[in-house]
PDB file of N, CA and C in Angstrom:
ATOM      1  N   MET A   1     101.499  88.464  96.708  1.00  0.00           N
ATOM      2  CA  MET A   1     102.110  87.461  95.848  1.00  0.00           C
ATOM      3  C   MET A   1     101.050  86.709  95.035  1.00  0.00           C
ATOM      4  N   LYS A   2      99.919  86.399  95.663  1.00  0.00           N
ATOM      5  CA  LYS A   2      98.871  85.666  94.950  1.00  0.00           C
ATOM      6  C   LYS A   2      98.394  86.469  93.745  1.00  0.00           C
ATOM      7  N   GLU A   3      98.291  87.770  93.918  1.00  0.00           N
ATOM      8  CA  GLU A   3      97.858  88.632  92.821  1.00  0.00           C
ATOM      9  C   GLU A   3      98.853  88.564  91.658  1.00  0.00           C
ATOM     10  N   PHE A   4     100.144  88.530  91.994  1.00  0.00           N
ATOM     11  CA  PHE A   4     101.178  88.467  90.967  1.00  0.00           C
ATOM     12  C   PHE A   4     101.076  87.159  90.181  1.00  0.00           C
ATOM     13  N   PHE A   5     100.914  86.052  90.886  1.00  0.00           N
ATOM     14  CA  PHE A   5     100.846  84.764  90.201  1.00  0.00           C
ATOM     15  C   PHE A   5      99.547  84.628  89.405  1.00  0.00           C
ATOM     16  N   ALA A   6      98.479  85.230  89.882  1.00  0.00           N
ATOM     17  CA  ALA A   6      97.230  85.245  89.116  1.00  0.00           C
ATOM     18  C   ALA A   6      97.428  86.057  87.830  1.00  0.00           C
ATOM     19  N   LEU A   7      98.176  87.135  87.933  1.00  0.00           N
ATOM     20  CA  LEU A   7      98.472  87.966  86.769  1.00  0.00           C
ATOM     21  C   LEU A   7      99.323  87.193  85.767  1.00  0.00           C
ATOM     22  N   LEU A   8     100.301  86.432  86.267  1.00  0.00           N
ATOM     23  CA  LEU A   8     101.120  85.605  85.374  1.00  0.00           C
ATOM     24  C   LEU A   8     100.250  84.581  84.641  1.00  0.00           C
ATOM     25  N   ASP A   9      99.267  84.024  85.326  1.00  0.00           N
ATOM     26  CA  ASP A   9      98.354  83.077  84.677  1.00  0.00           C
ATOM     27  C   ASP A   9      97.556  83.760  83.567  1.00  0.00           C
ATOM     28  N   ARG A  10      97.108  84.976  83.826  1.00  0.00           N
ATOM     29  CA  ARG A  10      96.373  85.726  82.798  1.00  0.00           C
ATOM     30  C   ARG A  10      97.275  86.025  81.604  1.00  0.00           C
ATOM     31  N   ILE A  11      98.537  86.364  81.885  1.00  0.00           N
ATOM     32  CA  ILE A  11      99.494  86.618  80.807  1.00  0.00           C
ATOM     33  C   ILE A  11      99.701  85.339  79.994  1.00  0.00           C
ATOM     34  N   ARG A  12      99.847  84.214  80.683  1.00  0.00           N
ATOM     35  CA  ARG A  12     100.047  82.925  80.004  1.00  0.00           C
ATOM     36  C   ARG A  12      98.859  82.622  79.076  1.00  0.00           C
ATOM     37  N   GLN A  13      97.653  82.847  79.556  1.00  0.00           N
ATOM     38  CA  GLN A  13      96.451  82.594  78.750  1.00  0.00           C
ATOM     39  C   GLN A  13      96.394  83.522  77.536  1.00  0.00           C
ATOM     40  N   GLU A  14      96.708  84.766  77.763  1.00  0.00           N
ATOM     41  CA  GLU A  14      96.681  85.745  76.673  1.00  0.00           C
ATOM     42  C   GLU A  14      97.781  85.455  75.652  1.00  0.00           C
ATOM     43  N   LEU A  15      98.957  85.049  76.131  1.00  0.00           N
ATOM     44  CA  LEU A  15     100.035  84.666  75.220  1.00  0.00           C
ATOM     45  C   LEU A  15      99.579  83.528  74.314  1.00  0.00           C
ATOM     46  N   ALA A  16      98.954  82.521  74.915  1.00  0.00           N
ATOM     47  CA  ALA A  16      98.482  81.373  74.139  1.00  0.00           C
ATOM     48  C   ALA A  16      97.436  81.801  73.113  1.00  0.00           C
ATOM     49  N   ALA A  17      96.544  82.684  73.524  1.00  0.00           N
ATOM     50  CA  ALA A  17      95.489  83.148  72.621  1.00  0.00           C
ATOM     51  C   ALA A  17      96.051  83.974  71.458  1.00  0.00           C
ATOM     52  N   GLU A  18      97.143  84.666  71.710  1.00  0.00           N
ATOM     53  CA  GLU A  18      97.730  85.567  70.709  1.00  0.00           C
ATOM     54  C   GLU A  18      99.017  85.028  70.107  1.00  0.00           C
ATOM     55  N   GLN A  19      99.300  83.744  70.292  1.00  0.00           N
ATOM     56  CA  GLN A  19     100.613  83.231  69.904  1.00  0.00           C
ATOM     57  C   GLN A  19     100.959  83.464  68.439  1.00  0.00           C
ATOM     58  N   GLY A  20      99.959  83.573  67.577  1.00  0.00           N
ATOM     59  CA  GLY A  20     100.235  83.861  66.175  1.00  0.00           C
ATOM     60  C   GLY A  20     100.765  85.267  65.940  1.00  0.00           C
ATOM     61  N   ARG A  21     100.513  86.162  66.880  1.00  0.00           N
ATOM     62  CA  ARG A  21     100.957  87.562  66.759  1.00  0.00           C
ATOM     63  C   ARG A  21     102.198  87.858  67.595  1.00  0.00           C
ATOM     64  N   VAL A  22     102.542  86.930  68.493  1.00  0.00           N
ATOM     65  CA  VAL A  22     103.680  87.142  69.392  1.00  0.00           C
ATOM     66  C   VAL A  22     104.973  86.775  68.681  1.00  0.00           C
ATOM     67  N   ASN A  23     105.946  87.655  68.757  1.00  0.00           N
ATOM     68  CA  ASN A  23     107.260  87.397  68.187  1.00  0.00           C
ATOM     69  C   ASN A  23     107.976  86.380  69.075  1.00  0.00           C
ATOM     70  N   ASP A  24     108.170  85.165  68.604  1.00  0.00           N
ATOM     71  CA  ASP A  24     108.838  84.069  69.309  1.00  0.00           C
ATOM     72  C   ASP A  24     108.050  83.632  70.551  1.00  0.00           C
ATOM     73  N   TYR A  25     106.874  83.112  70.285  1.00  0.00           N
ATOM     74  CA  TYR A  25     105.978  82.644  71.349  1.00  0.00           C
ATOM     75  C   TYR A  25     106.666  81.665  72.299  1.00  0.00           C
ATOM     76  N   GLN A  26     107.410  80.704  71.752  1.00  0.00           N
ATOM     77  CA  GLN A  26     108.051  79.686  72.601  1.00  0.00           C
ATOM     78  C   GLN A  26     108.996  80.320  73.619  1.00  0.00           C
ATOM     79  N   GLN A  27     109.802  81.255  73.180  1.00  0.00           N
ATOM     80  CA  GLN A  27     110.716  81.918  74.100  1.00  0.00           C
ATOM     81  C   GLN A  27     109.947  82.701  75.162  1.00  0.00           C
ATOM     82  N   CYS A  28     108.874  83.332  74.773  1.00  0.00           N
ATOM     83  CA  CYS A  28     108.056  84.076  75.736  1.00  0.00           C
ATOM     84  C   CYS A  28     107.471  83.134  76.783  1.00  0.00           C
ATOM     85  N   ALA A  29     107.009  81.970  76.359  1.00  0.00           N
ATOM     86  CA  ALA A  29     106.444  80.997  77.290  1.00  0.00           C
ATOM     87  C   ALA A  29     107.507  80.519  78.278  1.00  0.00           C
ATOM     88  N   VAL A  30     108.714  80.268  77.788  1.00  0.00           N
ATOM     89  CA  VAL A  30     109.815  79.847  78.669  1.00  0.00           C
ATOM     90  C   VAL A  30     110.165  80.962  79.648  1.00  0.00           C
ATOM     91  N   LEU A  31     110.267  82.187  79.153  1.00  0.00           N
ATOM     92  CA  LEU A  31     110.590  83.323  80.026  1.00  0.00           C
ATOM     93  C   LEU A  31     109.509  83.511  81.090  1.00  0.00           C
ATOM     94  N   LEU A  32     108.264  83.301  80.727  1.00  0.00           N
ATOM     95  CA  LEU A  32     107.178  83.443  81.695  1.00  0.00           C
ATOM     96  C   LEU A  32     107.281  82.368  82.775  1.00  0.00           C
ATOM     97  N   ASP A  33     107.605  81.138  82.372  1.00  0.00           N
ATOM     98  CA  ASP A  33     107.802  80.063  83.353  1.00  0.00           C
ATOM     99  C   ASP A  33     108.958  80.387  84.296  1.00  0.00           C
ATOM    100  N   LEU A  34     110.040  80.916  83.738  1.00  0.00           N
ATOM    101  CA  LEU A  34     111.186  81.291  84.572  1.00  0.00           C
ATOM    102  C   LEU A  34     110.837  82.437  85.518  1.00  0.00           C
ATOM    103  N   THR A  35     110.026  83.359  85.049  1.00  0.00           N
ATOM    104  CA  THR A  35     109.583  84.471  85.892  1.00  0.00           C
ATOM    105  C   THR A  35     108.822  83.940  87.102  1.00  0.00           C
ATOM    106  N   ALA A  36     107.966  82.961  86.876  1.00  0.00           N
ATOM    107  CA  ALA A  36     107.163  82.385  87.960  1.00  0.00           C
ATOM    108  C   ALA A  36     108.032  81.695  89.012  1.00  0.00           C
ATOM    109  N   GLN A  37     109.244  81.313  88.661  1.00  0.00           N
ATOM    110  CA  GLN A  37     110.139  80.621  89.582  1.00  0.00           C
ATOM    111  C   GLN A  37     111.000  81.568  90.422  1.00  0.00           C
ATOM    112  N   GLN A  38     110.939  82.850  90.135  1.00  0.00           N
ATOM    113  CA  GLN A  38     111.785  83.814  90.843  1.00  0.00           C
ATOM    114  C   GLN A  38     111.248  84.088  92.249  1.00  0.00           C
ATOM    115  N   HIS A  39     112.175  84.350  93.162  1.00  0.00           N
ATOM    116  CA  HIS A  39     111.825  84.711  94.541  1.00  0.00           C
ATOM    117  C   HIS A  39     111.710  86.230  94.604  1.00  0.00           C
ATOM    118  N   LEU A  40     110.488  86.706  94.657  1.00  0.00           N
ATOM    119  CA  LEU A  40     110.268  88.146  94.597  1.00  0.00           C
ATOM    120  C   LEU A  40     110.550  88.859  95.908  1.00  0.00           C
ATOM    121  N   ASP A  41     110.825  88.114  96.956  1.00  0.00           N
ATOM    122  CA  ASP A  41     111.205  88.728  98.225  1.00  0.00           C
ATOM    123  C   ASP A  41     112.706  89.001  98.258  1.00  0.00           C
ATOM    124  N   ASP A  42     113.368  88.698  97.171  1.00  0.00           N
ATOM    125  CA  ASP A  42     114.812  88.871  97.038  1.00  0.00           C
ATOM    126  C   ASP A  42     115.092  89.870  95.909  1.00  0.00           C
ATOM    127  N   THR A  43     116.033  90.771  96.123  1.00  0.00           N
ATOM    128  CA  THR A  43     116.363  91.786  95.123  1.00  0.00           C
ATOM    129  C   THR A  43     116.757  91.154  93.796  1.00  0.00           C
ATOM    130  N   GLY A  44     117.574  90.123  93.841  1.00  0.00           N
ATOM    131  CA  GLY A  44     118.009  89.452  92.613  1.00  0.00           C
ATOM    132  C   GLY A  44     116.847  88.805  91.883  1.00  0.00           C
ATOM    133  N   GLY A  45     115.938  88.208  92.619  1.00  0.00           N
ATOM    134  CA  GLY A  45     114.768  87.577  92.022  1.00  0.00           C
ATOM    135  C   GLY A  45     113.862  88.598  91.354  1.00  0.00           C
ATOM    136  N   ARG A  46     113.663  89.726  92.030  1.00  0.00           N
ATOM    137  CA  ARG A  46     112.845  90.801  91.448  1.00  0.00           C
ATOM    138  C   ARG A  46     113.484  91.343  90.176  1.00  0.00           C
ATOM    139  N   SER A  47     114.792  91.515  90.212  1.00  0.00           N
ATOM    140  CA  SER A  47     115.509  92.033  89.051  1.00  0.00           C
ATOM    141  C   SER A  47     115.405  91.066  87.871  1.00  0.00           C
ATOM    142  N   ALA A  48     115.586  89.783  88.142  1.00  0.00           N
ATOM    143  CA  ALA A  48     115.486  88.777  87.079  1.00  0.00           C
ATOM    144  C   ALA A  48     114.072  88.742  86.512  1.00  0.00           C
ATOM    145  N   ALA A  49     113.063  88.767  87.379  1.00  0.00           N
ATOM    146  CA  ALA A  49     111.673  88.736  86.928  1.00  0.00           C
ATOM    147  C   ALA A  49     111.359  89.964  86.074  1.00  0.00           C
ATOM    148  N   ARG A  50     111.839  91.107  86.511  1.00  0.00           N
ATOM    149  CA  ARG A  50     111.610  92.355  85.772  1.00  0.00           C
ATOM    150  C   ARG A  50     112.238  92.265  84.374  1.00  0.00           C
ATOM    151  N   THR A  51     113.464  91.774  84.303  1.00  0.00           N
ATOM    152  CA  THR A  51     114.168  91.652  83.021  1.00  0.00           C
ATOM    153  C   THR A  51     113.424  90.715  82.073  1.00  0.00           C
ATOM    154  N   MET A  52     112.967  89.583  82.592  1.00  0.00           N
ATOM    155  CA  MET A  52     112.264  88.622  81.745  1.00  0.00           C
ATOM    156  C   MET A  52     110.929  89.169  81.257  1.00  0.00           C
ATOM    157  N   LEU A  53     110.194  89.842  82.139  1.00  0.00           N
ATOM    158  CA  LEU A  53     108.913  90.428  81.734  1.00  0.00           C
ATOM    159  C   LEU A  53     109.116  91.533  80.701  1.00  0.00           C
ATOM    160  N   GLU A  54     110.189  92.294  80.841  1.00  0.00           N
ATOM    161  CA  GLU A  54     110.481  93.339  79.857  1.00  0.00           C
ATOM    162  C   GLU A  54     110.815  92.733  78.500  1.00  0.00           C
ATOM    163  N   ARG A  55     111.519  91.597  78.489  1.00  0.00           N
ATOM    164  CA  ARG A  55     111.822  90.908  77.233  1.00  0.00           C
ATOM    165  C   ARG A  55     110.534  90.426  76.564  1.00  0.00           C
ATOM    166  N   ILE A  56     109.651  89.854  77.377  1.00  0.00           N
ATOM    167  CA  ILE A  56     108.374  89.378  76.833  1.00  0.00           C
ATOM    168  C   ILE A  56     107.586  90.559  76.267  1.00  0.00           C
ATOM    169  N   ARG A  57     107.543  91.648  77.031  1.00  0.00           N
ATOM    170  CA  ARG A  57     106.789  92.829  76.586  1.00  0.00           C
ATOM    171  C   ARG A  57     107.322  93.342  75.248  1.00  0.00           C
ATOM    172  N   ALA A  58     108.637  93.316  75.063  1.00  0.00           N
ATOM    173  CA  ALA A  58     109.229  93.768  73.804  1.00  0.00           C
ATOM    174  C   ALA A  58     108.784  92.874  72.645  1.00  0.00           C
ATOM    175  N   LYS A  59     108.619  91.587  72.899  1.00  0.00           N
ATOM    176  CA  LYS A  59     108.201  90.649  71.855  1.00  0.00           C
ATOM    177  C   LYS A  59     106.695  90.723  71.588  1.00  0.00           C
ATOM    178  N   CYS A  60     105.961  91.379  72.477  1.00  0.00           N
ATOM    179  CA  CYS A  60     104.506  91.496  72.336  1.00  0.00           C
ATOM    180  C   CYS A  60     104.097  92.896  71.911  1.00  0.00           C
ATOM    181  N   ASP A  61     105.049  93.677  71.459  1.00  0.00           N
ATOM    182  CA  ASP A  61     104.756  95.043  71.047  1.00  0.00           C
ATOM    183  C   ASP A  61     103.672  95.017  69.978  1.00  0.00           C
ATOM    184  N   GLY A  62     102.678  95.817  70.133  1.00  0.00           N
ATOM    185  CA  GLY A  62     101.586  95.866  69.170  1.00  0.00           C
ATOM    186  C   GLY A  62     100.387  95.023  69.573  1.00  0.00           C
ATOM    187  N   ILE A  63     100.467  94.346  70.722  1.00  0.00           N
ATOM    188  CA  ILE A  63      99.336  93.568  71.231  1.00  0.00           C
ATOM    189  C   ILE A  63      98.928  94.229  72.546  1.00  0.00           C
ATOM    190  N   PRO A  64      98.034  95.216  72.476  1.00  0.00           N
ATOM    191  CA  PRO A  64      97.718  96.045  73.645  1.00  0.00           C
ATOM    192  C   PRO A  64      97.342  95.280  74.915  1.00  0.00           C
ATOM    193  N   GLY A  65      96.527  94.247  74.792  1.00  0.00           N
ATOM    194  CA  GLY A  65      96.119  93.498  75.985  1.00  0.00           C
ATOM    195  C   GLY A  65      97.292  92.880  76.708  1.00  0.00           C
ATOM    196  N   LEU A  66      98.200  92.289  75.956  1.00  0.00           N
ATOM    197  CA  LEU A  66      99.382  91.671  76.561  1.00  0.00           C
ATOM    198  C   LEU A  66     100.318  92.720  77.147  1.00  0.00           C
ATOM    199  N   VAL A  67     100.524  93.786  76.416  1.00  0.00           N
ATOM    200  CA  VAL A  67     101.404  94.853  76.903  1.00  0.00           C
ATOM    201  C   VAL A  67     100.862  95.408  78.218  1.00  0.00           C
ATOM    202  N   SER A  68      99.569  95.589  78.295  1.00  0.00           N
ATOM    203  CA  SER A  68      98.943  96.107  79.505  1.00  0.00           C
ATOM    204  C   SER A  68      99.131  95.152  80.688  1.00  0.00           C
ATOM    205  N   LEU A  69      98.905  93.865  80.455  1.00  0.00           N
ATOM    206  CA  LEU A  69      99.090  92.878  81.528  1.00  0.00           C
ATOM    207  C   LEU A  69     100.542  92.826  81.987  1.00  0.00           C
ATOM    208  N   LEU A  70     101.466  92.855  81.043  1.00  0.00           N
ATOM    209  CA  LEU A  70     102.887  92.806  81.394  1.00  0.00           C
ATOM    210  C   LEU A  70     103.305  94.063  82.150  1.00  0.00           C
ATOM    211  N   THR A  71     102.778  95.205  81.766  1.00  0.00           N
ATOM    212  CA  THR A  71     103.087  96.450  82.471  1.00  0.00           C
ATOM    213  C   THR A  71     102.535  96.392  83.896  1.00  0.00           C
ATOM    214  N   SER A  72     101.366  95.820  84.061  1.00  0.00           N
ATOM    215  CA  SER A  72     100.802  95.656  85.398  1.00  0.00           C
ATOM    216  C   SER A  72     101.672  94.751  86.255  1.00  0.00           C
ATOM    217  N   ALA A  73     102.165  93.667  85.672  1.00  0.00           N
ATOM    218  CA  ALA A  73     103.044  92.745  86.407  1.00  0.00           C
ATOM    219  C   ALA A  73     104.336  93.456  86.810  1.00  0.00           C
ATOM    220  N   LEU A  74     104.892  94.246  85.907  1.00  0.00           N
ATOM    221  CA  LEU A  74     106.114  94.981  86.226  1.00  0.00           C
ATOM    222  C   LEU A  74     105.861  95.973  87.362  1.00  0.00           C
ATOM    223  N   SER A  75     104.737  96.639  87.343  1.00  0.00           N
ATOM    224  CA  SER A  75     104.401  97.587  88.406  1.00  0.00           C
ATOM    225  C   SER A  75     104.234  96.864  89.732  1.00  0.00           C
ATOM    226  N   LEU A  76     103.633  95.694  89.689  1.00  0.00           N
ATOM    227  CA  LEU A  76     103.415  94.925  90.906  1.00  0.00           C
ATOM    228  C   LEU A  76     104.730  94.486  91.532  1.00  0.00           C
ATOM    229  N   ILE A  77     105.703  94.132  90.708  1.00  0.00           N
ATOM    230  CA  ILE A  77     107.018  93.738  91.223  1.00  0.00           C
ATOM    231  C   ILE A  77     107.618  94.862  92.062  1.00  0.00           C
ATOM    232  N   ALA A  78     107.430  96.085  91.623  1.00  0.00           N
ATOM    233  CA  ALA A  78     107.982  97.238  92.342  1.00  0.00           C
ATOM    234  C   ALA A  78     107.426  97.350  93.754  1.00  0.00           C
ATOM    235  N   THR A  79     106.232  96.829  93.979  1.00  0.00           N
ATOM    236  CA  THR A  79     105.622  96.924  95.315  1.00  0.00           C
ATOM    237  C   THR A  79     106.205  95.916  96.297  1.00  0.00           C
ATOM    238  N   PHE A  80     106.952  94.926  95.798  1.00  0.00           N
ATOM    239  CA  PHE A  80     107.518  93.902  96.672  1.00  0.00           C
ATOM    240  C   PHE A  80     108.823  94.341  97.327  1.00  0.00           C
ATOM    241  N   ALA A  81     109.366  95.456  96.898  1.00  0.00           N
ATOM    242  CA  ALA A  81     110.659  95.922  97.448  1.00  0.00           C
ATOM    243  C   ALA A  81     110.520  96.345  98.898  1.00  0.00           C
TER     244      ALA A  81
END
């Protein structure tokens, strides 16, 4: 879990650094905050977190560093099942 939250922090920093290139930065920041509030030990929480991260990733298309971090976070969620 600590690794996941550290990854979310890295995503947050990268989002801020790239906010001029991110499609709807504010919504991405809100979705990231909501993702951090999900209970990943619960199927519903994992599903919600996955959906929100996928939405963020879609808005960051074309920003390789962010896409890579978001893909890593999505992969990590799968390990919590």
